Amino acid sequence: MKRSTALAATAALAASIALVASGCSATSAGSSDGSSSHPVTLTFWGSYGNGGNSAQQDALNKTLIPAFEKANPGITVNYVDIPYDSLHQKLTTSAAGGTLPDLVRSDIGWVPQLAQLGVLTPLSTSMSDFGALSKAVYPGTLTTNKYKGKYYGLPLDTNTRVLITSQKALDAAGMSTPPKTFDDLKQMAAKLKGTGVSVFADGGLGGWNLFPWIWSNGGEITNGSLTKASGYLDGSKSVAAVQMLVDLYKEGQIPNLITGNQGATSTSDGLPTGKYATILDGPWMKAIWAGQYKDFQPIYAPMPKGDGASTSVVGGEDIVLTATSKNQAAAEKFIRFTQSEKFQIEMAKTGQMTVVPAFASKQAAIDPYFTTFADQLKTAKSRLAIPQGDKVDGILNAALVPAFTGTTSVKDALATAAQQIDPLLTGK
């Protein structure tokens, strides 16, 4: 996003948030807007407490919800925390029974599934200020909400993967900086040959793992309308990206963790113990290593690039409004609030990444650690935002393991995967 566009979008967003703070709404008024004469209670489901993270729940319940309720008399927000592993099933069951809450903090992969079921309100048509709100967030995070031309939510928090290495690995390879290109990575592999250190490691062959390599080499997963993978996933630049990984694997420079060997050392252990020189991972690794490898000093860098720009993959959660909510206007007020600096920066203090690039500098002031990830998010892309997106990883893994083990070519493997993904895109 250009700076001028970002500033304009942020200004529009600020104006929209100001309306919420003053008790007004950019949408229709009436009893459903939470006016004092018709108080409403919004029910909000999410998994902020997943993994015992009390900091995020405390920020929401003790600071953010009270601030919203104070600015919007007559609206009460009842947050219900549900374990992540149970939330998807509860949403599916509740959708069938017509008992969904007003708002949901949804995994990005669930939004198209819920949209297909017809249980979400498309925010791009219901919110008059959606244009300003959508322009203020990272483009890749916004895409996770798109289904059949409409946007059914807005990004709530985000993350991405970047290259992580160590000074020990760089010294072993005689390098002063992390590999910036595919060629740099291959040169690093050559210098590490015979040292017992693998140049790169990852834990699978799904979209989360492979798509950054394909995009960074100028390849694509599908056409622009998200209706066809054949000719794109198996296009020449996509094939070349995966072929590089296969070549490194066959040279012993990528461990068989990538093909599903559960006995191999994990990436979170292999990098700090010196078994692996580089990995791709997310912002959550800081807390993991702080607890397990206190003396380890990771070095964070952008995703290496081939014939394309450095591009990684988007993770995180979105906020969606259910179609059965009887408090649509009030719920939209809370959605606007989640996009505000108040909400985003308060959550950044708990370790979440803001979805609004204009707030990235304030996020970095809290912890400079997030800077590399925020920079990577400027170009990061969404995985396939389709109802059956969870099947794509299985297809990719099944098709590509034979390419890594040498029983088929990369071109044939990606063609096979593309042919199986095509029907998922069209729903046939």
Protein backbone atom coordinates (compact mmCIF):
# COMPACT_ATOMS: atom_id res chain seq x y z
CA MET A 1 0.00 0.00 0.00
CA LYS A 2 1.35 3.43 -0.93
CA ARG A 3 1.98 5.79 1.97
CA SER A 4 -0.52 8.37 0.66
CA THR A 5 -3.23 5.73 0.35
CA ALA A 6 -2.44 4.34 3.79
CA LEU A 7 -2.64 7.80 5.37
CA ALA A 8 -5.96 8.54 3.69
CA ALA A 9 -7.37 5.19 4.73
CA THR A 10 -6.17 5.70 8.29
CA ALA A 11 -7.75 9.15 8.44
CA ALA A 12 -11.06 7.73 7.22
CA LEU A 13 -10.77 4.93 9.73
CA ALA A 14 -10.11 7.39 12.56
CA ALA A 15 -13.21 9.37 11.60
CA SER A 16 -15.27 6.20 11.61
CA ILE A 17 -13.92 5.18 15.02
CA ALA A 18 -14.69 8.65 16.35
CA LEU A 19 -18.33 8.11 15.45
CA VAL A 20 -18.36 4.98 17.57
CA ALA A 21 -16.70 6.74 20.51
CA SER A 22 -19.33 9.49 20.40
CA GLY A 23 -22.15 6.98 20.42
CA CYS A 24 -23.08 7.52 16.77
CA SER A 25 -23.08 4.98 14.00
CA ALA A 26 -22.24 5.06 10.34
CA THR A 27 -24.99 2.50 9.80
CA SER A 28 -28.70 2.68 10.46
CA ALA A 29 -29.90 3.86 13.87
CA GLY A 30 -32.79 2.49 15.84
CA SER A 31 -33.40 0.12 18.74
CA SER A 32 -30.74 -2.28 17.52
CA ASP A 33 -27.98 0.33 17.77
CA GLY A 34 -27.69 0.01 21.53
CA SER A 35 -29.34 3.33 22.46
CA SER A 36 -29.99 3.80 26.16
CA SER A 37 -33.73 3.33 25.71
CA HIS A 38 -33.20 -0.03 24.08
CA PRO A 39 -30.11 -1.58 25.66
CA VAL A 40 -28.65 -4.62 23.95
CA THR A 41 -26.17 -7.32 24.86
CA LEU A 42 -23.72 -8.56 22.24
CA THR A 43 -22.45 -12.10 22.60
CA PHE A 44 -18.90 -12.52 21.31
CA TRP A 45 -17.25 -15.94 20.95
CA GLY A 46 -13.52 -16.44 20.64
CA SER A 47 -10.43 -18.28 21.83
CA TYR A 48 -8.35 -15.55 23.39
CA GLY A 49 -7.56 -17.88 26.26
CA ASN A 50 -6.23 -20.64 24.01
CA GLY A 51 -3.15 -22.21 25.53
CA GLY A 52 -3.78 -20.56 28.88
CA ASN A 53 -3.08 -17.04 27.57
CA SER A 54 -4.73 -15.00 30.30
CA ALA A 55 -3.08 -11.75 29.12
CA GLN A 56 -5.24 -11.52 26.01
CA GLN A 57 -8.44 -12.32 27.90
CA ASP A 58 -7.56 -9.81 30.59
CA ALA A 59 -6.89 -7.10 28.01
CA LEU A 60 -10.24 -7.80 26.38
CA ASN A 61 -12.36 -8.16 29.53
CA LYS A 62 -10.68 -5.66 31.84
CA THR A 63 -9.65 -2.90 29.46
CA LEU A 64 -11.13 -3.04 25.98
CA ILE A 65 -14.72 -4.13 26.54
CA PRO A 66 -15.15 -1.65 29.44
CA ALA A 67 -13.75 1.13 27.22
CA PHE A 68 -16.17 0.25 24.44
CA GLU A 69 -19.14 0.03 26.79
CA LYS A 70 -18.27 3.40 28.35
CA ALA A 71 -18.17 5.03 24.91
CA ASN A 72 -21.40 3.28 23.86
CA PRO A 73 -23.96 3.43 26.69
CA GLY A 74 -26.64 0.81 26.26
CA ILE A 75 -24.37 -1.78 24.65
CA THR A 76 -23.02 -4.61 26.78
CA VAL A 77 -20.52 -7.10 25.38
CA ASN A 78 -20.55 -10.62 26.78
CA TYR A 79 -17.36 -12.37 25.75
CA VAL A 80 -17.42 -16.17 25.89
CA ASP A 81 -14.05 -17.91 25.66
CA ILE A 82 -14.11 -21.31 23.96
CA PRO A 83 -11.05 -23.55 23.49
CA TYR A 84 -9.77 -23.29 19.93
CA ASP A 85 -10.04 -27.04 19.33
CA SER A 86 -13.74 -26.90 20.25
CA LEU A 87 -14.74 -23.60 18.68
CA HIS A 88 -15.02 -24.76 15.07
CA GLN A 89 -17.29 -27.66 15.97
CA LYS A 90 -19.41 -25.44 18.22
CA LEU A 91 -19.79 -22.92 15.40
CA THR A 92 -20.84 -25.63 12.95
CA THR A 93 -23.35 -27.11 15.40
CA SER A 94 -24.71 -23.71 16.37
CA ALA A 95 -25.05 -22.69 12.73
CA ALA A 96 -27.20 -25.74 12.08
CA GLY A 97 -29.29 -25.01 15.16
CA GLY A 98 -29.62 -21.28 14.57
CA THR A 99 -27.99 -20.44 17.91
CA LEU A 100 -24.92 -18.49 16.85
CA PRO A 101 -23.68 -15.47 18.84
CA ASP A 102 -23.61 -11.95 17.44
CA LEU A 103 -19.86 -11.87 16.81
CA VAL A 104 -17.14 -14.46 16.35
CA ARG A 105 -13.37 -14.26 16.44
CA SER A 106 -12.89 -16.74 13.61
CA ASP A 107 -9.80 -18.50 12.36
CA ILE A 108 -9.13 -17.15 8.89
CA GLY A 109 -9.73 -20.61 7.41
CA TRP A 110 -13.27 -20.78 8.78
CA VAL A 111 -14.64 -17.57 7.27
CA PRO A 112 -15.36 -18.97 3.76
CA GLN A 113 -16.89 -22.10 5.33
CA LEU A 114 -19.29 -20.02 7.43
CA ALA A 115 -20.01 -17.71 4.49
CA GLN A 116 -20.92 -20.68 2.32
CA LEU A 117 -23.38 -21.82 5.00
CA GLY A 118 -25.09 -18.43 4.72
CA VAL A 119 -24.73 -17.65 8.41
CA LEU A 120 -22.62 -14.48 8.10
CA THR A 121 -23.52 -10.91 7.23
CA PRO A 122 -21.33 -9.62 4.35
CA LEU A 123 -19.72 -6.55 5.90
CA SER A 124 -18.77 -5.16 2.50
CA THR A 125 -22.47 -4.57 1.81
CA SER A 126 -23.80 -3.90 5.31
CA MET A 127 -21.22 -1.38 6.56
CA SER A 128 -21.25 1.95 4.74
CA ASP A 129 -17.67 2.66 5.83
CA PHE A 130 -16.30 -0.78 4.91
CA GLY A 131 -14.24 0.74 2.12
CA ALA A 132 -12.25 2.91 4.53
CA LEU A 133 -11.89 0.09 7.05
CA SER A 134 -10.70 -2.38 4.42
CA LYS A 135 -8.12 -0.01 2.94
CA ALA A 136 -6.56 0.50 6.35
CA VAL A 137 -5.50 -3.14 6.85
CA TYR A 138 -2.82 -5.30 5.24
CA PRO A 139 -4.13 -6.48 1.84
CA GLY A 140 -3.25 -10.12 2.49
CA THR A 141 -5.18 -10.16 5.75
CA LEU A 142 -8.25 -8.64 4.10
CA THR A 143 -8.30 -11.36 1.43
CA THR A 144 -8.95 -14.02 4.06
CA ASN A 145 -12.46 -12.58 4.42
CA LYS A 146 -13.41 -12.69 0.74
CA TYR A 147 -15.90 -15.22 -0.59
CA LYS A 148 -17.65 -14.98 -3.97
CA GLY A 149 -16.91 -11.31 -4.39
CA LYS A 150 -18.00 -10.16 -0.92
CA TYR A 151 -16.10 -9.64 2.32
CA TYR A 152 -17.65 -11.34 5.32
CA GLY A 153 -15.35 -10.03 8.02
CA LEU A 154 -12.41 -7.81 8.86
CA PRO A 155 -8.96 -8.85 10.09
CA LEU A 156 -8.68 -8.90 13.87
CA ASP A 157 -5.09 -10.03 14.46
CA THR A 158 -2.46 -11.42 12.15
CA ASN A 159 0.91 -13.10 11.77
CA THR A 160 3.24 -14.37 9.09
CA ARG A 161 6.39 -16.46 8.64
CA VAL A 162 9.86 -15.06 8.16
CA LEU A 163 13.30 -16.61 7.75
CA ILE A 164 15.02 -17.30 11.06
CA THR A 165 18.67 -18.19 11.41
CA SER A 166 21.50 -17.74 13.94
CA GLN A 167 24.94 -16.18 14.04
CA LYS A 168 26.43 -19.63 14.57
CA ALA A 169 24.87 -20.85 11.31
CA LEU A 170 26.01 -17.75 9.41
CA ASP A 171 29.54 -18.15 10.74
CA ALA A 172 29.59 -21.82 9.74
CA ALA A 173 28.62 -20.85 6.19
CA GLY A 174 30.97 -17.86 6.06
CA MET A 175 28.07 -15.45 5.60
CA SER A 176 27.65 -12.01 7.14
CA THR A 177 23.88 -11.75 6.55
CA PRO A 178 20.97 -14.20 6.21
CA PRO A 179 20.24 -15.47 2.67
CA LYS A 180 18.23 -12.88 0.77
CA THR A 181 17.70 -14.90 -2.40
CA PHE A 182 17.24 -18.49 -3.51
CA ASP A 183 20.79 -18.37 -4.85
CA ASP A 184 22.07 -17.23 -1.47
CA LEU A 185 20.33 -20.18 0.16
CA LYS A 186 21.85 -22.61 -2.33
CA GLN A 187 25.28 -21.11 -1.72
CA MET A 188 24.76 -21.46 2.01
CA ALA A 189 23.87 -25.12 1.48
CA ALA A 190 27.08 -25.68 -0.49
CA LYS A 191 29.18 -24.15 2.28
CA LEU A 192 27.44 -26.26 4.94
CA LYS A 193 27.97 -29.50 3.05
CA GLY A 194 29.70 -32.05 5.25
CA THR A 195 29.14 -30.09 8.47
CA GLY A 196 26.10 -32.06 9.58
CA VAL A 197 23.99 -28.90 9.52
CA SER A 198 20.95 -28.82 7.22
CA VAL A 199 20.52 -25.52 5.43
CA PHE A 200 16.73 -25.44 5.90
CA ALA A 201 14.01 -27.37 7.70
CA ASP A 202 10.23 -27.30 7.77
CA GLY A 203 7.51 -29.52 9.12
CA GLY A 204 5.35 -30.30 6.11
CA LEU A 205 4.38 -29.70 2.49
CA GLY A 206 1.08 -27.86 2.90
CA GLY A 207 0.23 -24.38 1.72
CA TRP A 208 1.61 -22.80 4.90
CA ASN A 209 4.96 -24.38 4.03
CA LEU A 210 5.15 -24.22 0.22
CA PHE A 211 3.25 -21.14 -0.89
CA PRO A 212 5.90 -18.63 0.29
CA TRP A 213 8.49 -20.34 -1.92
CA ILE A 214 6.17 -20.39 -4.92
CA TRP A 215 5.07 -16.76 -4.54
CA SER A 216 8.63 -15.56 -3.91
CA ASN A 217 9.67 -17.13 -7.21
CA GLY A 218 6.92 -15.31 -9.09
CA GLY A 219 4.62 -18.34 -9.23
CA GLU A 220 0.90 -18.49 -8.47
CA ILE A 221 -1.37 -21.03 -6.85
CA THR A 222 -4.50 -20.22 -8.86
CA ASN A 223 -5.79 -17.69 -11.35
CA GLY A 224 -6.94 -14.31 -10.07
CA SER A 225 -10.59 -15.32 -9.80
CA LEU A 226 -9.71 -18.33 -7.64
CA THR A 227 -11.38 -20.78 -10.02
CA LYS A 228 -8.48 -22.74 -11.49
CA ALA A 229 -5.22 -24.16 -10.11
CA SER A 230 -4.16 -26.13 -13.19
CA GLY A 231 -1.69 -24.11 -15.21
CA TYR A 232 -0.78 -22.02 -12.16
CA LEU A 233 0.22 -24.33 -9.32
CA ASP A 234 2.05 -26.42 -11.90
CA GLY A 235 3.33 -23.40 -13.84
CA SER A 236 7.04 -23.09 -14.59
CA LYS A 237 7.90 -20.68 -11.77
CA SER A 238 5.94 -22.72 -9.21
CA VAL A 239 7.67 -25.90 -10.36
CA ALA A 240 11.10 -24.24 -10.18
CA ALA A 241 10.52 -23.09 -6.59
CA VAL A 242 9.53 -26.55 -5.37
CA GLN A 243 12.28 -28.16 -7.47
CA MET A 244 14.85 -26.15 -5.54
CA LEU A 245 13.53 -27.60 -2.28
CA VAL A 246 13.52 -31.11 -3.73
CA ASP A 247 17.10 -30.70 -4.93
CA LEU A 248 18.23 -29.55 -1.49
CA TYR A 249 16.36 -32.45 0.09
CA LYS A 250 18.08 -34.97 -2.18
CA GLU A 251 21.43 -33.38 -1.32
CA GLY A 252 20.72 -34.01 2.36
CA GLN A 253 20.34 -30.29 3.03
CA ILE A 254 16.67 -30.49 4.08
CA PRO A 255 15.78 -33.16 6.67
CA ASN A 256 12.93 -35.61 6.15
CA LEU A 257 10.87 -33.72 8.71
CA ILE A 258 9.44 -31.99 5.63
CA THR A 259 8.05 -35.29 4.28
CA GLY A 260 6.41 -36.24 7.55
CA ASN A 261 9.07 -38.10 9.53
CA GLN A 262 7.72 -37.66 13.03
CA GLY A 263 10.99 -38.84 14.54
CA ALA A 264 13.00 -35.96 13.09
CA THR A 265 14.05 -33.03 15.26
CA SER A 266 11.44 -30.26 15.26
CA THR A 267 12.31 -26.90 13.80
CA SER A 268 11.87 -25.20 17.18
CA ASP A 269 14.56 -27.47 18.62
CA GLY A 270 16.71 -27.96 15.52
CA LEU A 271 17.53 -24.29 14.96
CA PRO A 272 18.72 -23.41 18.49
CA THR A 273 20.64 -26.69 18.83
CA GLY A 274 22.51 -26.09 15.58
CA LYS A 275 21.03 -28.93 13.52
CA TYR A 276 19.31 -26.55 11.10
CA ALA A 277 20.72 -23.30 9.71
CA THR A 278 17.39 -21.69 8.74
CA ILE A 279 13.67 -22.21 9.23
CA LEU A 280 10.49 -20.29 8.45
CA ASP A 281 8.36 -19.47 11.46
CA GLY A 282 6.16 -16.91 13.17
CA PRO A 283 6.18 -14.33 15.97
CA TRP A 284 5.13 -16.89 18.59
CA MET A 285 8.65 -18.36 18.55
CA LYS A 286 10.02 -15.64 20.81
CA ALA A 287 8.07 -16.91 23.81
CA ILE A 288 8.84 -20.54 23.01
CA TRP A 289 12.59 -20.01 22.82
CA ALA A 290 12.60 -17.69 25.83
CA GLY A 291 11.31 -20.59 27.89
CA GLN A 292 13.28 -23.46 26.34
CA TYR A 293 16.51 -21.91 25.01
CA LYS A 294 17.12 -18.76 27.01
CA ASP A 295 20.59 -18.14 25.59
CA PHE A 296 19.59 -18.59 21.96
CA GLN A 297 19.73 -15.39 19.89
CA PRO A 298 17.69 -15.88 16.69
CA ILE A 299 18.16 -13.62 13.70
CA TYR A 300 15.01 -12.67 11.77
CA ALA A 301 15.02 -11.80 8.07
CA PRO A 302 12.60 -11.58 5.12
CA MET A 303 11.57 -14.62 3.13
CA PRO A 304 14.29 -15.25 0.47
CA LYS A 305 13.22 -14.39 -3.06
CA GLY A 306 13.74 -16.02 -6.42
CA ASP A 307 12.27 -14.48 -9.57
CA GLY A 308 9.56 -12.74 -7.58
CA ALA A 309 9.35 -10.42 -4.57
CA SER A 310 9.83 -11.69 -1.02
CA THR A 311 6.35 -12.98 -0.15
CA SER A 312 5.16 -14.98 2.81
CA VAL A 313 1.86 -16.37 4.04
CA VAL A 314 -0.80 -14.81 6.28
CA GLY A 315 -2.14 -16.32 9.49
CA GLY A 316 -4.41 -14.98 12.23
CA GLU A 317 -8.05 -14.40 13.02
CA ASP A 318 -10.91 -12.32 11.63
CA ILE A 319 -13.99 -10.86 13.26
CA VAL A 320 -17.33 -11.77 11.66
CA LEU A 321 -20.96 -10.82 12.26
CA THR A 322 -23.61 -13.54 12.16
CA ALA A 323 -26.68 -13.10 10.00
CA THR A 324 -28.95 -14.16 12.87
CA SER A 325 -27.77 -11.36 15.16
CA LYS A 326 -30.63 -9.11 16.19
CA ASN A 327 -28.14 -6.40 17.10
CA GLN A 328 -26.47 -5.78 13.75
CA ALA A 329 -25.81 -2.03 14.15
CA ALA A 330 -24.44 -2.43 17.66
CA ALA A 331 -22.28 -5.34 16.54
CA GLU A 332 -20.89 -3.25 13.69
CA LYS A 333 -19.91 -0.60 16.24
CA PHE A 334 -17.85 -3.17 18.10
CA ILE A 335 -16.26 -4.34 14.84
CA ARG A 336 -15.18 -0.75 14.16
CA PHE A 337 -13.75 -0.57 17.65
CA THR A 338 -11.59 -3.66 17.01
CA GLN A 339 -9.96 -1.80 14.12
CA SER A 340 -9.07 1.19 16.28
CA GLU A 341 -5.64 2.07 17.62
CA LYS A 342 -6.97 1.57 21.15
CA PHE A 343 -7.93 -2.04 20.50
CA GLN A 344 -5.06 -2.99 18.21
CA ILE A 345 -2.27 -1.56 20.38
CA GLU A 346 -3.71 -2.90 23.62
CA MET A 347 -3.69 -6.37 22.06
CA ALA A 348 -0.18 -5.76 20.71
CA LYS A 349 0.93 -5.43 24.32
CA THR A 350 -0.13 -9.07 24.81
CA GLY A 351 1.90 -10.29 21.82
CA GLN A 352 -0.69 -10.06 19.05
CA MET A 353 0.21 -8.34 15.80
CA THR A 354 -1.84 -5.41 14.55
CA VAL A 355 -3.66 -5.75 11.24
CA VAL A 356 -3.31 -2.02 10.54
CA PRO A 357 0.09 -1.07 9.04
CA ALA A 358 -0.31 2.53 10.23
CA PHE A 359 -0.01 1.20 13.80
CA ALA A 360 3.12 -0.85 13.11
CA SER A 361 5.48 1.82 14.46
CA LYS A 362 3.63 1.94 17.78
CA GLN A 363 3.67 -1.85 17.84
CA ALA A 364 7.44 -1.74 17.32
CA ALA A 365 7.76 0.75 20.17
CA ILE A 366 6.22 -1.89 22.43
CA ASP A 367 8.59 -4.53 21.11
CA PRO A 368 10.98 -4.02 18.15
CA TYR A 369 10.86 -7.78 17.65
CA PHE A 370 7.71 -7.39 15.54
CA THR A 371 9.35 -5.14 12.93
CA THR A 372 10.55 -7.88 10.56
CA PHE A 373 7.16 -9.58 10.68
CA ALA A 374 5.32 -6.28 10.08
CA ASP A 375 7.52 -5.56 7.06
CA GLN A 376 6.86 -9.06 5.69
CA LEU A 377 3.11 -8.56 6.09
CA LYS A 378 3.18 -5.75 3.52
CA THR A 379 3.43 -8.36 0.75
CA ALA A 380 2.18 -11.50 2.54
CA LYS A 381 -0.68 -13.35 0.88
CA SER A 382 -3.62 -15.46 1.99
CA ARG A 383 -3.87 -19.16 1.42
CA LEU A 384 -6.88 -20.30 -0.62
CA ALA A 385 -9.93 -18.66 0.95
CA ILE A 386 -12.39 -21.37 -0.05
CA PRO A 387 -14.81 -23.46 2.04
CA GLN A 388 -12.77 -26.62 1.52
CA GLY A 389 -9.43 -24.95 2.04
CA ASP A 390 -8.55 -27.42 4.80
CA LYS A 391 -8.34 -30.18 2.18
CA VAL A 392 -5.62 -28.42 0.19
CA ASP A 393 -2.83 -29.29 2.62
CA GLY A 394 -3.64 -32.99 2.44
CA ILE A 395 -3.68 -32.90 -1.35
CA LEU A 396 -0.33 -31.11 -1.51
CA ASN A 397 1.35 -33.41 0.98
CA ALA A 398 0.11 -36.58 -0.70
CA ALA A 399 1.14 -35.39 -4.16
CA LEU A 400 4.54 -33.97 -3.25
CA VAL A 401 6.05 -36.56 -0.92
CA PRO A 402 6.70 -38.83 -3.95
CA ALA A 403 8.49 -35.95 -5.67
CA PHE A 404 10.80 -35.52 -2.69
CA THR A 405 11.44 -39.23 -2.38
CA GLY A 406 12.13 -39.54 -6.12
CA THR A 407 9.24 -41.58 -7.47
CA THR A 408 7.69 -38.77 -9.54
CA SER A 409 8.67 -35.41 -10.97
CA VAL A 410 7.83 -32.09 -9.35
CA LYS A 411 5.92 -31.06 -12.47
CA ASP A 412 3.75 -34.19 -12.38
CA ALA A 413 3.24 -33.92 -8.63
CA LEU A 414 2.05 -30.31 -8.82
CA ALA A 415 -0.13 -31.11 -11.84
CA THR A 416 -1.77 -33.92 -9.87
CA ALA A 417 -2.36 -31.60 -6.92
CA ALA A 418 -3.76 -28.87 -9.17
CA GLN A 419 -6.21 -31.28 -10.80
CA GLN A 420 -7.52 -32.26 -7.36
CA ILE A 421 -7.72 -28.65 -6.14
CA ASP A 422 -9.64 -27.45 -9.23
CA PRO A 423 -12.96 -28.99 -8.10
CA LEU A 424 -12.57 -27.45 -4.65
CA LEU A 425 -12.33 -24.03 -6.23
CA THR A 426 -15.46 -24.42 -8.31
CA GLY A 427 -17.44 -26.40 -5.73
CA LYS A 428 -18.02 -29.25 -8.18
